[in-house]
Amino acid sequence: MKEVIVFIVCFLIVLFFYEMIFVVPMKKYRANKGKKKKEKKELAEIRYLVYKYKLDLKKVNYNQLLQIVALTSSLDITIIVTIISFIDSYLLSLLLCLVLVIPIIMISYWLVFRFYKKRGMIKDV
């Protein structure tokens, strides 16, 4: 039971910081996009979804996409931290972290792609 509570608390903390550091500034940037001429800013996760899975940003509610990306990334980080916390050896936990990061991220964003594909928000190629 203790592990579940730690998982939930860790998830909420990571989600809060992810929202404050990435999502809120992106919403402000998108709101002021017409007023200022700046370089094009976009989260790396969104660029990955656009280039790999052909996500059509014209059909997608961008604020909803930001929230889904925040939830997905926070869950990824929390899952990795939780798995690593069960290992006592520092070297083994570091190696396991390096092995787990890429597959967990790839699987989670594939699930996000499936979510948007069901709703018809993928470009027809």
C-alpha atoms as a PDB file:
ATOM      1  CA  MET A   1       0.000   0.000   0.000  1.00  0.00           C
ATOM      2  CA  LYS A   2       2.899   2.316   0.765  1.00  0.00           C
ATOM      3  CA  GLU A   3       4.257   1.888  -2.777  1.00  0.00           C
ATOM      4  CA  VAL A   4       0.922   2.879  -4.319  1.00  0.00           C
ATOM      5  CA  ILE A   5       0.766   6.054  -2.247  1.00  0.00           C
ATOM      6  CA  VAL A   6       4.371   6.906  -3.157  1.00  0.00           C
ATOM      7  CA  PHE A   7       3.564   6.268  -6.834  1.00  0.00           C
ATOM      8  CA  ILE A   8       0.532   8.583  -6.765  1.00  0.00           C
ATOM      9  CA  VAL A   9       2.350  11.330  -4.861  1.00  0.00           C
ATOM     10  CA  CYS A  10       5.344  11.093  -7.195  1.00  0.00           C
ATOM     11  CA  PHE A  11       3.041  11.231 -10.218  1.00  0.00           C
ATOM     12  CA  LEU A  12       1.251  14.327  -8.919  1.00  0.00           C
ATOM     13  CA  ILE A  13       4.522  16.105  -8.122  1.00  0.00           C
ATOM     14  CA  VAL A  14       6.026  15.327 -11.532  1.00  0.00           C
ATOM     15  CA  LEU A  15       2.795  16.354 -13.263  1.00  0.00           C
ATOM     16  CA  PHE A  16       2.702  19.652 -11.373  1.00  0.00           C
ATOM     17  CA  PHE A  17       6.286  20.523 -12.312  1.00  0.00           C
ATOM     18  CA  TYR A  18       5.794  19.400 -15.923  1.00  0.00           C
ATOM     19  CA  GLU A  19       2.718  21.614 -16.176  1.00  0.00           C
ATOM     20  CA  MET A  20       4.520  24.630 -14.697  1.00  0.00           C
ATOM     21  CA  ILE A  21       7.720  24.233 -16.719  1.00  0.00           C
ATOM     22  CA  PHE A  22       6.378  23.148 -20.128  1.00  0.00           C
ATOM     23  CA  VAL A  23       2.601  23.354 -20.545  1.00  0.00           C
ATOM     24  CA  VAL A  24       1.826  26.796 -19.105  1.00  0.00           C
ATOM     25  CA  PRO A  25       4.599  28.552 -21.103  1.00  0.00           C
ATOM     26  CA  MET A  26       3.466  26.789 -24.292  1.00  0.00           C
ATOM     27  CA  LYS A  27      -0.120  27.934 -23.740  1.00  0.00           C
ATOM     28  CA  LYS A  28       1.089  31.511 -23.219  1.00  0.00           C
ATOM     29  CA  TYR A  29       3.275  31.285 -26.323  1.00  0.00           C
ATOM     30  CA  ARG A  30       0.359  29.990 -28.421  1.00  0.00           C
ATOM     31  CA  ALA A  31      -1.904  32.748 -27.072  1.00  0.00           C
ATOM     32  CA  ASN A  32       0.625  35.465 -27.995  1.00  0.00           C
ATOM     33  CA  LYS A  33       1.624  33.860 -31.287  1.00  0.00           C
ATOM     34  CA  GLY A  34      -0.063  36.471 -33.424  1.00  0.00           C
ATOM     35  CA  LYS A  35       1.240  39.417 -31.420  1.00  0.00           C
ATOM     36  CA  LYS A  36       4.954  38.644 -31.512  1.00  0.00           C
ATOM     37  CA  LYS A  37       7.041  37.212 -34.291  1.00  0.00           C
ATOM     38  CA  LYS A  38       9.265  34.613 -32.634  1.00  0.00           C
ATOM     39  CA  GLU A  39      10.834  31.370 -33.649  1.00  0.00           C
ATOM     40  CA  LYS A  40       8.491  28.424 -33.809  1.00  0.00           C
ATOM     41  CA  LYS A  41       8.372  26.708 -30.411  1.00  0.00           C
ATOM     42  CA  GLU A  42       7.027  23.233 -29.941  1.00  0.00           C
ATOM     43  CA  LEU A  43       7.543  20.501 -27.387  1.00  0.00           C
ATOM     44  CA  ALA A  44       9.800  17.655 -28.480  1.00  0.00           C
ATOM     45  CA  GLU A  45       7.045  15.156 -27.726  1.00  0.00           C
ATOM     46  CA  ILE A  46       4.650  16.941 -30.070  1.00  0.00           C
ATOM     47  CA  ARG A  47       7.302  17.132 -32.804  1.00  0.00           C
ATOM     48  CA  TYR A  48       7.830  13.386 -32.369  1.00  0.00           C
ATOM     49  CA  LEU A  49       4.102  12.705 -32.771  1.00  0.00           C
ATOM     50  CA  VAL A  50       3.907  14.938 -35.859  1.00  0.00           C
ATOM     51  CA  TYR A  51       6.928  13.492 -37.675  1.00  0.00           C
ATOM     52  CA  LYS A  52       6.694   9.841 -36.667  1.00  0.00           C
ATOM     53  CA  TYR A  53       2.921   9.324 -36.645  1.00  0.00           C
ATOM     54  CA  LYS A  54       1.781  12.199 -38.929  1.00  0.00           C
ATOM     55  CA  LEU A  55      -0.414  13.854 -36.299  1.00  0.00           C
ATOM     56  CA  ASP A  56      -2.412  16.660 -37.920  1.00  0.00           C
ATOM     57  CA  LEU A  57      -2.094  19.697 -35.647  1.00  0.00           C
ATOM     58  CA  LYS A  58      -4.864  21.491 -37.557  1.00  0.00           C
ATOM     59  CA  LYS A  59      -7.419  18.895 -36.431  1.00  0.00           C
ATOM     60  CA  VAL A  60      -6.137  18.549 -32.872  1.00  0.00           C
ATOM     61  CA  ASN A  61      -7.176  20.672 -29.920  1.00  0.00           C
ATOM     62  CA  TYR A  62      -3.688  21.896 -28.977  1.00  0.00           C
ATOM     63  CA  ASN A  63      -4.479  22.471 -25.294  1.00  0.00           C
ATOM     64  CA  GLN A  64      -5.835  18.937 -25.005  1.00  0.00           C
ATOM     65  CA  LEU A  65      -2.705  17.625 -26.732  1.00  0.00           C
ATOM     66  CA  LEU A  66      -0.525  19.512 -24.234  1.00  0.00           C
ATOM     67  CA  GLN A  67      -2.442  17.957 -21.342  1.00  0.00           C
ATOM     68  CA  ILE A  68      -2.157  14.453 -22.821  1.00  0.00           C
ATOM     69  CA  VAL A  69       1.578  14.932 -23.373  1.00  0.00           C
ATOM     70  CA  ALA A  70       1.968  16.180 -19.789  1.00  0.00           C
ATOM     71  CA  LEU A  71       0.077  13.189 -18.386  1.00  0.00           C
ATOM     72  CA  THR A  72       1.990  10.740 -20.568  1.00  0.00           C
ATOM     73  CA  SER A  73       5.423  12.135 -19.762  1.00  0.00           C
ATOM     74  CA  SER A  74       4.647  12.347 -16.061  1.00  0.00           C
ATOM     75  CA  LEU A  75       3.419   8.774 -16.026  1.00  0.00           C
ATOM     76  CA  ASP A  76       6.559   7.622 -17.880  1.00  0.00           C
ATOM     77  CA  ILE A  77       8.848   9.331 -15.383  1.00  0.00           C
ATOM     78  CA  THR A  78       6.867   8.008 -12.438  1.00  0.00           C
ATOM     79  CA  ILE A  79       6.872   4.423 -13.735  1.00  0.00           C
ATOM     80  CA  ILE A  80      10.630   4.507 -14.260  1.00  0.00           C
ATOM     81  CA  VAL A  81      11.288   6.033 -10.825  1.00  0.00           C
ATOM     82  CA  THR A  82       9.009   3.483  -9.163  1.00  0.00           C
ATOM     83  CA  ILE A  83      10.708   0.536 -10.856  1.00  0.00           C
ATOM     84  CA  ILE A  84      14.151   1.902 -10.027  1.00  0.00           C
ATOM     85  CA  SER A  85      13.197   2.452  -6.385  1.00  0.00           C
ATOM     86  CA  PHE A  86      12.827  -1.305  -5.852  1.00  0.00           C
ATOM     87  CA  ILE A  87      16.495  -1.907  -6.715  1.00  0.00           C
ATOM     88  CA  ASP A  88      19.114  -1.512  -3.996  1.00  0.00           C
ATOM     89  CA  SER A  89      22.227  -1.447  -6.156  1.00  0.00           C
ATOM     90  CA  TYR A  90      23.043   1.988  -7.556  1.00  0.00           C
ATOM     91  CA  LEU A  91      24.816   0.643 -10.649  1.00  0.00           C
ATOM     92  CA  LEU A  92      22.053  -1.827 -11.435  1.00  0.00           C
ATOM     93  CA  SER A  93      19.373   0.836 -11.007  1.00  0.00           C
ATOM     94  CA  LEU A  94      21.277   3.183 -13.332  1.00  0.00           C
ATOM     95  CA  LEU A  95      21.606   0.479 -15.986  1.00  0.00           C
ATOM     96  CA  LEU A  96      17.965  -0.486 -15.646  1.00  0.00           C
ATOM     97  CA  CYS A  97      16.958   3.152 -15.985  1.00  0.00           C
ATOM     98  CA  LEU A  98      18.983   3.493 -19.189  1.00  0.00           C
ATOM     99  CA  VAL A  99      17.385   0.344 -20.580  1.00  0.00           C
ATOM    100  CA  LEU A 100      13.818   1.291 -19.618  1.00  0.00           C
ATOM    101  CA  VAL A 101      13.642   4.938 -20.681  1.00  0.00           C
ATOM    102  CA  ILE A 102      13.406   4.581 -24.461  1.00  0.00           C
ATOM    103  CA  PRO A 103      10.992   1.597 -24.619  1.00  0.00           C
ATOM    104  CA  ILE A 104       8.606   3.130 -22.085  1.00  0.00           C
ATOM    105  CA  ILE A 105       8.558   6.457 -23.936  1.00  0.00           C
ATOM    106  CA  MET A 106       8.074   4.767 -27.319  1.00  0.00           C
ATOM    107  CA  ILE A 107       5.219   2.597 -26.043  1.00  0.00           C
ATOM    108  CA  SER A 108       3.444   5.450 -24.294  1.00  0.00           C
ATOM    109  CA  TYR A 109       3.558   7.745 -27.323  1.00  0.00           C
ATOM    110  CA  TRP A 110       2.442   4.872 -29.549  1.00  0.00           C
ATOM    111  CA  LEU A 111      -0.621   4.659 -27.276  1.00  0.00           C
ATOM    112  CA  VAL A 112      -1.158   8.421 -27.709  1.00  0.00           C
ATOM    113  CA  PHE A 113      -0.948   7.876 -31.485  1.00  0.00           C
ATOM    114  CA  ARG A 114      -3.576   5.118 -31.271  1.00  0.00           C
ATOM    115  CA  PHE A 115      -5.813   7.486 -29.276  1.00  0.00           C
ATOM    116  CA  TYR A 116      -5.623  10.162 -31.971  1.00  0.00           C
ATOM    117  CA  LYS A 117      -5.846   7.656 -34.826  1.00  0.00           C
ATOM    118  CA  LYS A 118      -9.195   6.421 -33.482  1.00  0.00           C
ATOM    119  CA  ARG A 119     -10.451   9.998 -33.576  1.00  0.00           C
ATOM    120  CA  GLY A 120      -9.263  10.551 -37.159  1.00  0.00           C
ATOM    121  CA  MET A 121      -6.655  13.184 -36.382  1.00  0.00           C
ATOM    122  CA  ILE A 122      -3.831  11.622 -38.378  1.00  0.00           C
ATOM    123  CA  LYS A 123      -2.831  13.043 -41.775  1.00  0.00           C
ATOM    124  CA  ASP A 124      -3.717  10.960 -44.793  1.00  0.00           C
ATOM    125  CA  VAL A 125      -0.460  10.137 -46.536  1.00  0.00           C
END
